[in-house]
Amino acid sequence: MIVTATMALASKDAGEFQLRESEAPKGAQDRKDGKDGKDGKDAKGASKSKIAATKTEAAMKFTVIDKENGPIKGIVICLASPAGTKFCTDETDADGYAEVLVPVGQKYDVTYLSLGGGDVATSVTVTDEPKQSIKLTLRYKRPPARVPFVLKGVNFDTGSANLRHESALRLDLVVDFMQRRKSAAVEISGHTDNVGNAKTNKTLSLKRAQACRDYVISQGVEGSRIKAVGYGGEKPTVPNDTDENRQKNRRIEVVEVSTKSDGR
């Protein structure tokens, strides 16, 4: 059973997507099999599909394209069930294609994976019918802004770079992102307020960023994909004029950085 769908996807965090009836990226799939991409039957990627729909699982097959530039590589699409279970594709391939199996009979929130967790872009209802192959094309209108994401809840002992136990819950967001977005690289930066010696603060902020990097690496992420930097008090987000503001300026940030392969 093949299902196609049309609906709108919009997300401040993810950029803008439009979900429409599946078709091959122009100039990609058409060249391979001569199809015109209008019948919804050619939503497939550069390699053979690795999944098959069953009685209990539907095959969700996505193609992500840009209006001007064609297929978009390196996007991870996640579907979250009402219970909070997340099902994510691998990164989209050179044809902008990715796929994932999800249990039938549920409604899923759809996002694309980002460091901030991703805003809910839309929802997709998967009926309880067996052997569903749901093929969706996502039109990508603009790339997401690569802005620093503050890791609230990453805390240290006073005046030291010793991570507190609760920090792992937030750093695991970075771990999850890096494990799923295998082509991504990030910068983790440490920041302080303006209290004390500026040089000492910068050294401390670097050590704290390195502690976060060490944790992510300890979870199996390659160190070559993570850069740690310390800015001390050089980049306050708010004036250091109250205790509350100084606390906001004492932070750890993470941002995706460009790589040679992504062209951005």
C-alpha atoms as a PDB file:
ATOM      1  CA  MET A   1       0.000   0.000   0.000  1.00  0.00           C
ATOM      2  CA  ILE A   2       1.505   3.320  -1.100  1.00  0.00           C
ATOM      3  CA  VAL A   3       0.296   6.544   0.500  1.00  0.00           C
ATOM      4  CA  THR A   4       1.173  10.095  -0.529  1.00  0.00           C
ATOM      5  CA  ALA A   5       0.248  13.281   1.284  1.00  0.00           C
ATOM      6  CA  THR A   6       0.112  17.051   0.969  1.00  0.00           C
ATOM      7  CA  MET A   7       0.364  19.477   3.913  1.00  0.00           C
ATOM      8  CA  ALA A   8       2.396  22.426   5.160  1.00  0.00           C
ATOM      9  CA  LEU A   9       5.509  22.292   7.295  1.00  0.00           C
ATOM     10  CA  ALA A  10       6.887  25.404   8.983  1.00  0.00           C
ATOM     11  CA  SER A  11       9.454  25.670  11.746  1.00  0.00           C
ATOM     12  CA  LYS A  12      11.375  28.653  13.087  1.00  0.00           C
ATOM     13  CA  ASP A  13      14.224  26.381  14.095  1.00  0.00           C
ATOM     14  CA  ALA A  14      14.277  24.196  11.036  1.00  0.00           C
ATOM     15  CA  GLY A  15      13.774  26.711   8.265  1.00  0.00           C
ATOM     16  CA  GLU A  16      10.649  26.175   6.171  1.00  0.00           C
ATOM     17  CA  PHE A  17       9.445  22.948   4.652  1.00  0.00           C
ATOM     18  CA  GLN A  18       6.441  22.246   2.502  1.00  0.00           C
ATOM     19  CA  LEU A  19       5.175  18.696   2.410  1.00  0.00           C
ATOM     20  CA  ARG A  20       3.672  17.682  -0.901  1.00  0.00           C
ATOM     21  CA  GLU A  21       2.971  14.630  -3.044  1.00  0.00           C
ATOM     22  CA  SER A  22       6.152  12.643  -3.449  1.00  0.00           C
ATOM     23  CA  GLU A  23       8.254  13.122  -6.520  1.00  0.00           C
ATOM     24  CA  ALA A  24      11.861  12.614  -7.472  1.00  0.00           C
ATOM     25  CA  PRO A  25      14.266  15.548  -7.140  1.00  0.00           C
ATOM     26  CA  LYS A  26      14.469  17.212 -10.553  1.00  0.00           C
ATOM     27  CA  GLY A  27      17.403  15.935 -12.532  1.00  0.00           C
ATOM     28  CA  ALA A  28      18.274  13.212 -10.019  1.00  0.00           C
ATOM     29  CA  GLN A  29      15.815  10.306 -10.040  1.00  0.00           C
ATOM     30  CA  ASP A  30      14.483  11.268 -13.466  1.00  0.00           C
ATOM     31  CA  ARG A  31      17.864  10.572 -14.996  1.00  0.00           C
ATOM     32  CA  LYS A  32      18.074   7.154 -13.383  1.00  0.00           C
ATOM     33  CA  ASP A  33      14.749   5.654 -14.382  1.00  0.00           C
ATOM     34  CA  GLY A  34      13.083   8.011 -16.841  1.00  0.00           C
ATOM     35  CA  LYS A  35      10.087   8.749 -14.608  1.00  0.00           C
ATOM     36  CA  ASP A  36       8.524  12.172 -14.508  1.00  0.00           C
ATOM     37  CA  GLY A  37       8.159  12.121 -10.723  1.00  0.00           C
ATOM     38  CA  LYS A  38       4.418  12.838 -10.686  1.00  0.00           C
ATOM     39  CA  ASP A  39       2.965   9.508  -9.710  1.00  0.00           C
ATOM     40  CA  GLY A  40       4.404   9.249  -6.182  1.00  0.00           C
ATOM     41  CA  LYS A  41       6.110   5.937  -6.959  1.00  0.00           C
ATOM     42  CA  ASP A  42       9.719   7.071  -7.220  1.00  0.00           C
ATOM     43  CA  ALA A  43      10.520   8.389  -3.749  1.00  0.00           C
ATOM     44  CA  LYS A  44      13.785   6.563  -3.322  1.00  0.00           C
ATOM     45  CA  GLY A  45      17.388   7.458  -2.814  1.00  0.00           C
ATOM     46  CA  ALA A  46      20.833   6.971  -4.266  1.00  0.00           C
ATOM     47  CA  SER A  47      20.945   3.405  -2.913  1.00  0.00           C
ATOM     48  CA  LYS A  48      18.413   0.624  -2.458  1.00  0.00           C
ATOM     49  CA  SER A  49      15.901   0.976   0.372  1.00  0.00           C
ATOM     50  CA  LYS A  50      16.929  -0.765   3.567  1.00  0.00           C
ATOM     51  CA  ILE A  51      13.470  -0.988   5.108  1.00  0.00           C
ATOM     52  CA  ALA A  52      10.240  -2.838   4.343  1.00  0.00           C
ATOM     53  CA  ALA A  53       6.761  -2.131   5.668  1.00  0.00           C
ATOM     54  CA  THR A  54       5.159  -4.842   7.816  1.00  0.00           C
ATOM     55  CA  LYS A  55       1.825  -5.459   9.520  1.00  0.00           C
ATOM     56  CA  THR A  56       2.917  -3.397  12.496  1.00  0.00           C
ATOM     57  CA  GLU A  57       5.359  -0.877  11.000  1.00  0.00           C
ATOM     58  CA  ALA A  58       4.921   1.665   8.233  1.00  0.00           C
ATOM     59  CA  ALA A  59       7.786   2.685   5.950  1.00  0.00           C
ATOM     60  CA  MET A  60       8.122   6.482   6.023  1.00  0.00           C
ATOM     61  CA  LYS A  61      10.068   7.625   2.950  1.00  0.00           C
ATOM     62  CA  PHE A  62      11.117  11.272   2.706  1.00  0.00           C
ATOM     63  CA  THR A  63      12.654  13.313  -0.074  1.00  0.00           C
ATOM     64  CA  VAL A  64      13.977  16.772   0.852  1.00  0.00           C
ATOM     65  CA  ILE A  65      14.510  19.246  -1.973  1.00  0.00           C
ATOM     66  CA  ASP A  66      15.324  22.904  -2.408  1.00  0.00           C
ATOM     67  CA  LYS A  67      13.403  24.915  -5.019  1.00  0.00           C
ATOM     68  CA  GLU A  68      16.566  26.403  -6.475  1.00  0.00           C
ATOM     69  CA  ASN A  69      19.281  23.849  -5.759  1.00  0.00           C
ATOM     70  CA  GLY A  70      17.559  20.483  -5.882  1.00  0.00           C
ATOM     71  CA  PRO A  71      18.110  17.648  -3.354  1.00  0.00           C
ATOM     72  CA  ILE A  72      19.321  18.555   0.146  1.00  0.00           C
ATOM     73  CA  LYS A  73      21.876  16.216   1.690  1.00  0.00           C
ATOM     74  CA  GLY A  74      22.518  15.751   5.413  1.00  0.00           C
ATOM     75  CA  ILE A  75      19.039  16.375   6.891  1.00  0.00           C
ATOM     76  CA  VAL A  76      17.726  14.109   9.674  1.00  0.00           C
ATOM     77  CA  ILE A  77      13.934  13.895  10.020  1.00  0.00           C
ATOM     78  CA  CYS A  78      12.424  12.777  13.333  1.00  0.00           C
ATOM     79  CA  LEU A  79       8.920  11.604  14.165  1.00  0.00           C
ATOM     80  CA  ALA A  80       7.812  11.630  17.807  1.00  0.00           C
ATOM     81  CA  SER A  81       4.978   9.434  19.048  1.00  0.00           C
ATOM     82  CA  PRO A  82       2.411  10.575  21.651  1.00  0.00           C
ATOM     83  CA  ALA A  83       4.420   8.627  24.247  1.00  0.00           C
ATOM     84  CA  GLY A  84       7.519  10.633  23.393  1.00  0.00           C
ATOM     85  CA  THR A  85       9.351   7.868  21.548  1.00  0.00           C
ATOM     86  CA  LYS A  86      11.446   9.291  18.717  1.00  0.00           C
ATOM     87  CA  PHE A  87      12.033   7.650  15.358  1.00  0.00           C
ATOM     88  CA  CYS A  88      14.672   9.325  13.187  1.00  0.00           C
ATOM     89  CA  THR A  89      15.940   8.765   9.684  1.00  0.00           C
ATOM     90  CA  ASP A  90      19.605   8.636   8.809  1.00  0.00           C
ATOM     91  CA  GLU A  91      20.906  11.736   7.035  1.00  0.00           C
ATOM     92  CA  THR A  92      19.354  12.382   3.642  1.00  0.00           C
ATOM     93  CA  ASP A  93      21.569  11.102   0.833  1.00  0.00           C
ATOM     94  CA  ALA A  94      22.740  12.784  -2.364  1.00  0.00           C
ATOM     95  CA  ASP A  95      19.189  12.509  -3.737  1.00  0.00           C
ATOM     96  CA  GLY A  96      17.745  14.144  -0.613  1.00  0.00           C
ATOM     97  CA  TYR A  97      16.254  10.818   0.461  1.00  0.00           C
ATOM     98  CA  ALA A  98      15.897   9.236   3.903  1.00  0.00           C
ATOM     99  CA  GLU A  99      13.623   6.609   5.448  1.00  0.00           C
ATOM    100  CA  VAL A 100      12.510   5.152   8.758  1.00  0.00           C
ATOM    101  CA  LEU A 101      10.078   2.554  10.101  1.00  0.00           C
ATOM    102  CA  VAL A 102       7.418   3.665  12.590  1.00  0.00           C
ATOM    103  CA  PRO A 103       4.676   1.719  14.412  1.00  0.00           C
ATOM    104  CA  VAL A 104       1.252   1.960  12.757  1.00  0.00           C
ATOM    105  CA  GLY A 105      -1.872   3.377  14.367  1.00  0.00           C
ATOM    106  CA  GLN A 106      -0.303   6.528  15.782  1.00  0.00           C
ATOM    107  CA  LYS A 107      -0.065  10.257  15.111  1.00  0.00           C
ATOM    108  CA  TYR A 108       3.476  11.616  14.925  1.00  0.00           C
ATOM    109  CA  ASP A 109       4.929  15.084  15.393  1.00  0.00           C
ATOM    110  CA  VAL A 110       7.466  15.746  12.648  1.00  0.00           C
ATOM    111  CA  THR A 111      10.631  17.780  13.159  1.00  0.00           C
ATOM    112  CA  TYR A 112      14.021  17.919  11.640  1.00  0.00           C
ATOM    113  CA  LEU A 113      16.877  17.256  14.010  1.00  0.00           C
ATOM    114  CA  SER A 114      18.684  20.310  15.380  1.00  0.00           C
ATOM    115  CA  LEU A 115      20.783  21.226  18.385  1.00  0.00           C
ATOM    116  CA  GLY A 116      17.811  23.011  19.883  1.00  0.00           C
ATOM    117  CA  GLY A 117      15.682  19.897  19.637  1.00  0.00           C
ATOM    118  CA  GLY A 118      13.580  21.152  16.714  1.00  0.00           C
ATOM    119  CA  ASP A 119      10.205  22.859  16.721  1.00  0.00           C
ATOM    120  CA  VAL A 120       7.228  20.682  15.794  1.00  0.00           C
ATOM    121  CA  ALA A 121       6.732  21.346  12.111  1.00  0.00           C
ATOM    122  CA  THR A 122       3.601  19.311  11.451  1.00  0.00           C
ATOM    123  CA  SER A 123       1.961  16.020  12.333  1.00  0.00           C
ATOM    124  CA  VAL A 124       1.382  12.866  10.309  1.00  0.00           C
ATOM    125  CA  THR A 125      -1.242  10.271  11.149  1.00  0.00           C
ATOM    126  CA  VAL A 126      -0.329   6.681  10.315  1.00  0.00           C
ATOM    127  CA  THR A 127      -3.389   4.444  10.220  1.00  0.00           C
ATOM    128  CA  ASP A 128      -3.361   0.888  11.530  1.00  0.00           C
ATOM    129  CA  GLU A 129      -3.436  -0.656   8.057  1.00  0.00           C
ATOM    130  CA  PRO A 130      -0.653  -3.164   7.320  1.00  0.00           C
ATOM    131  CA  LYS A 131       2.287  -2.705   4.963  1.00  0.00           C
ATOM    132  CA  GLN A 132       1.993   1.023   4.431  1.00  0.00           C
ATOM    133  CA  SER A 133       4.657   2.836   2.414  1.00  0.00           C
ATOM    134  CA  ILE A 134       4.176   6.557   3.021  1.00  0.00           C
ATOM    135  CA  LYS A 135       6.158   8.726   0.620  1.00  0.00           C
ATOM    136  CA  LEU A 136       6.525  12.429   1.377  1.00  0.00           C
ATOM    137  CA  THR A 137       8.426  15.216  -0.324  1.00  0.00           C
ATOM    138  CA  LEU A 138       9.628  18.099   1.820  1.00  0.00           C
ATOM    139  CA  ARG A 139      10.407  21.283  -0.063  1.00  0.00           C
ATOM    140  CA  TYR A 140      13.251  23.065   1.678  1.00  0.00           C
ATOM    141  CA  LYS A 141      12.973  26.830   1.277  1.00  0.00           C
ATOM    142  CA  ARG A 142      15.982  28.087   3.201  1.00  0.00           C
ATOM    143  CA  PRO A 143      18.741  26.640   5.392  1.00  0.00           C
ATOM    144  CA  PRO A 144      18.425  26.885   9.159  1.00  0.00           C
ATOM    145  CA  ALA A 145      20.303  29.700  10.829  1.00  0.00           C
ATOM    146  CA  ARG A 146      23.374  28.438  12.607  1.00  0.00           C
ATOM    147  CA  VAL A 147      23.006  30.319  15.850  1.00  0.00           C
ATOM    148  CA  PRO A 148      24.491  29.342  19.231  1.00  0.00           C
ATOM    149  CA  PHE A 149      22.249  27.227  21.444  1.00  0.00           C
ATOM    150  CA  VAL A 150      22.599  27.772  25.193  1.00  0.00           C
ATOM    151  CA  LEU A 151      22.868  24.499  27.108  1.00  0.00           C
ATOM    152  CA  LYS A 152      20.805  25.481  30.120  1.00  0.00           C
ATOM    153  CA  GLY A 153      21.362  23.039  32.950  1.00  0.00           C
ATOM    154  CA  VAL A 154      25.050  22.442  32.250  1.00  0.00           C
ATOM    155  CA  ASN A 155      26.534  23.432  35.616  1.00  0.00           C
ATOM    156  CA  PHE A 156      29.929  23.326  37.278  1.00  0.00           C
ATOM    157  CA  ASP A 157      31.277  23.480  40.805  1.00  0.00           C
ATOM    158  CA  THR A 158      32.033  27.068  41.770  1.00  0.00           C
ATOM    159  CA  GLY A 159      35.283  28.331  40.284  1.00  0.00           C
ATOM    160  CA  SER A 160      36.103  24.982  38.670  1.00  0.00           C
ATOM    161  CA  ALA A 161      35.576  22.964  35.497  1.00  0.00           C
ATOM    162  CA  ASN A 162      34.068  19.978  37.330  1.00  0.00           C
ATOM    163  CA  LEU A 163      30.780  19.095  35.647  1.00  0.00           C
ATOM    164  CA  ARG A 164      27.893  18.483  38.002  1.00  0.00           C
ATOM    165  CA  HIS A 165      25.984  15.243  37.614  1.00  0.00           C
ATOM    166  CA  GLU A 166      22.815  16.854  36.226  1.00  0.00           C
ATOM    167  CA  SER A 167      24.772  18.347  33.317  1.00  0.00           C
ATOM    168  CA  ALA A 168      24.755  15.012  31.481  1.00  0.00           C
ATOM    169  CA  LEU A 169      21.030  15.381  30.754  1.00  0.00           C
ATOM    170  CA  ARG A 170      21.685  18.489  28.666  1.00  0.00           C
ATOM    171  CA  LEU A 171      24.912  17.355  27.089  1.00  0.00           C
ATOM    172  CA  ASP A 172      23.151  14.214  25.935  1.00  0.00           C
ATOM    173  CA  LEU A 173      21.211  16.458  23.528  1.00  0.00           C
ATOM    174  CA  VAL A 174      24.512  17.221  21.834  1.00  0.00           C
ATOM    175  CA  VAL A 175      25.457  13.541  21.890  1.00  0.00           C
ATOM    176  CA  ASP A 176      22.159  12.564  20.240  1.00  0.00           C
ATOM    177  CA  PHE A 177      22.553  15.260  17.590  1.00  0.00           C
ATOM    178  CA  MET A 178      26.128  14.247  16.776  1.00  0.00           C
ATOM    179  CA  GLN A 179      25.369  10.531  16.662  1.00  0.00           C
ATOM    180  CA  ARG A 180      22.488  11.049  14.226  1.00  0.00           C
ATOM    181  CA  ARG A 181      24.035  13.866  12.164  1.00  0.00           C
ATOM    182  CA  LYS A 182      27.249  12.045  11.403  1.00  0.00           C
ATOM    183  CA  SER A 183      28.442  14.732   8.989  1.00  0.00           C
ATOM    184  CA  ALA A 184      28.010  17.579  11.501  1.00  0.00           C
ATOM    185  CA  ALA A 185      30.725  19.422  13.414  1.00  0.00           C
ATOM    186  CA  VAL A 186      30.136  21.714  16.385  1.00  0.00           C
ATOM    187  CA  GLU A 187      31.845  24.325  18.511  1.00  0.00           C
ATOM    188  CA  ILE A 188      31.285  24.229  22.273  1.00  0.00           C
ATOM    189  CA  SER A 189      32.082  27.544  23.921  1.00  0.00           C
ATOM    190  CA  GLY A 190      32.432  28.597  27.541  1.00  0.00           C
ATOM    191  CA  HIS A 191      31.416  32.059  28.795  1.00  0.00           C
ATOM    192  CA  THR A 192      31.680  33.895  32.121  1.00  0.00           C
ATOM    193  CA  ASP A 193      30.488  37.160  33.609  1.00  0.00           C
ATOM    194  CA  ASN A 194      32.845  40.108  34.167  1.00  0.00           C
ATOM    195  CA  VAL A 195      33.564  39.442  37.836  1.00  0.00           C
ATOM    196  CA  GLY A 196      37.231  38.744  38.622  1.00  0.00           C
ATOM    197  CA  ASN A 197      40.339  38.651  36.478  1.00  0.00           C
ATOM    198  CA  ALA A 198      39.607  38.598  32.745  1.00  0.00           C
ATOM    199  CA  LYS A 199      42.505  36.272  31.919  1.00  0.00           C
ATOM    200  CA  THR A 200      41.541  33.830  34.672  1.00  0.00           C
ATOM    201  CA  ASN A 201      37.939  33.866  33.500  1.00  0.00           C
ATOM    202  CA  LYS A 202      38.947  33.092  29.937  1.00  0.00           C
ATOM    203  CA  THR A 203      41.070  30.157  31.055  1.00  0.00           C
ATOM    204  CA  LEU A 204      38.223  28.828  33.202  1.00  0.00           C
ATOM    205  CA  SER A 205      35.712  29.181  30.364  1.00  0.00           C
ATOM    206  CA  LEU A 206      37.987  27.160  28.074  1.00  0.00           C
ATOM    207  CA  LYS A 207      38.435  24.408  30.656  1.00  0.00           C
ATOM    208  CA  ARG A 208      34.658  24.204  31.088  1.00  0.00           C
ATOM    209  CA  ALA A 209      34.122  23.959  27.339  1.00  0.00           C
ATOM    210  CA  GLN A 210      36.783  21.239  27.202  1.00  0.00           C
ATOM    211  CA  ALA A 211      35.031  19.344  30.001  1.00  0.00           C
ATOM    212  CA  CYS A 212      31.832  19.359  27.938  1.00  0.00           C
ATOM    213  CA  ARG A 213      33.733  18.239  24.861  1.00  0.00           C
ATOM    214  CA  ASP A 214      35.335  15.418  26.863  1.00  0.00           C
ATOM    215  CA  TYR A 215      31.913  14.223  28.001  1.00  0.00           C
ATOM    216  CA  VAL A 216      30.519  14.131  24.453  1.00  0.00           C
ATOM    217  CA  ILE A 217      33.606  12.248  23.244  1.00  0.00           C
ATOM    218  CA  SER A 218      33.205   9.763  26.119  1.00  0.00           C
ATOM    219  CA  GLN A 219      29.801   8.855  24.648  1.00  0.00           C
ATOM    220  CA  GLY A 220      31.369   7.742  21.375  1.00  0.00           C
ATOM    221  CA  VAL A 221      31.463  10.930  19.276  1.00  0.00           C
ATOM    222  CA  GLU A 222      34.664  11.612  17.337  1.00  0.00           C
ATOM    223  CA  GLY A 223      36.761  14.367  18.871  1.00  0.00           C
ATOM    224  CA  SER A 224      37.677  15.671  15.421  1.00  0.00           C
ATOM    225  CA  ARG A 225      34.085  16.904  15.058  1.00  0.00           C
ATOM    226  CA  ILE A 226      34.068  18.986  18.252  1.00  0.00           C
ATOM    227  CA  LYS A 227      35.980  22.190  18.932  1.00  0.00           C
ATOM    228  CA  ALA A 228      36.147  23.705  22.428  1.00  0.00           C
ATOM    229  CA  VAL A 229      36.775  27.424  22.907  1.00  0.00           C
ATOM    230  CA  GLY A 230      36.698  29.797  25.848  1.00  0.00           C
ATOM    231  CA  TYR A 231      35.583  33.407  25.510  1.00  0.00           C
ATOM    232  CA  GLY A 232      35.553  34.403  29.159  1.00  0.00           C
ATOM    233  CA  GLY A 233      33.480  37.576  29.512  1.00  0.00           C
ATOM    234  CA  GLU A 234      34.050  38.782  25.952  1.00  0.00           C
ATOM    235  CA  LYS A 235      30.561  37.899  24.658  1.00  0.00           C
ATOM    236  CA  PRO A 236      27.900  38.793  27.246  1.00  0.00           C
ATOM    237  CA  THR A 237      24.298  38.288  26.163  1.00  0.00           C
ATOM    238  CA  VAL A 238      23.014  40.859  28.653  1.00  0.00           C
ATOM    239  CA  PRO A 239      24.648  43.671  30.678  1.00  0.00           C
ATOM    240  CA  ASN A 240      26.527  42.472  33.768  1.00  0.00           C
ATOM    241  CA  ASP A 241      24.568  44.830  36.012  1.00  0.00           C
ATOM    242  CA  THR A 242      22.595  42.400  38.198  1.00  0.00           C
ATOM    243  CA  ASP A 243      23.172  38.998  39.776  1.00  0.00           C
ATOM    244  CA  GLU A 244      20.502  37.559  37.494  1.00  0.00           C
ATOM    245  CA  ASN A 245      22.163  38.933  34.376  1.00  0.00           C
ATOM    246  CA  ARG A 246      25.603  37.777  35.445  1.00  0.00           C
ATOM    247  CA  GLN A 247      24.191  34.290  35.907  1.00  0.00           C
ATOM    248  CA  LYS A 248      22.833  34.386  32.338  1.00  0.00           C
ATOM    249  CA  ASN A 249      26.257  35.319  31.040  1.00  0.00           C
ATOM    250  CA  ARG A 250      27.846  32.317  32.779  1.00  0.00           C
ATOM    251  CA  ARG A 251      26.918  29.724  30.208  1.00  0.00           C
ATOM    252  CA  ILE A 252      27.921  26.976  27.800  1.00  0.00           C
ATOM    253  CA  GLU A 253      26.900  27.352  24.166  1.00  0.00           C
ATOM    254  CA  VAL A 254      27.025  24.953  21.243  1.00  0.00           C
ATOM    255  CA  VAL A 255      26.705  25.796  17.554  1.00  0.00           C
ATOM    256  CA  GLU A 256      26.977  23.778  14.370  1.00  0.00           C
ATOM    257  CA  VAL A 257      29.911  24.934  12.278  1.00  0.00           C
ATOM    258  CA  SER A 258      30.545  24.664   8.554  1.00  0.00           C
ATOM    259  CA  THR A 259      32.554  21.790   7.183  1.00  0.00           C
ATOM    260  CA  LYS A 260      34.239  21.399   3.813  1.00  0.00           C
ATOM    261  CA  SER A 261      31.632  18.838   2.763  1.00  0.00           C
ATOM    262  CA  ASP A 262      28.472  20.828   3.489  1.00  0.00           C
ATOM    263  CA  GLY A 263      29.277  23.815   1.316  1.00  0.00           C
ATOM    264  CA  ARG A 264      27.836  26.331   3.787  1.00  0.00           C
END
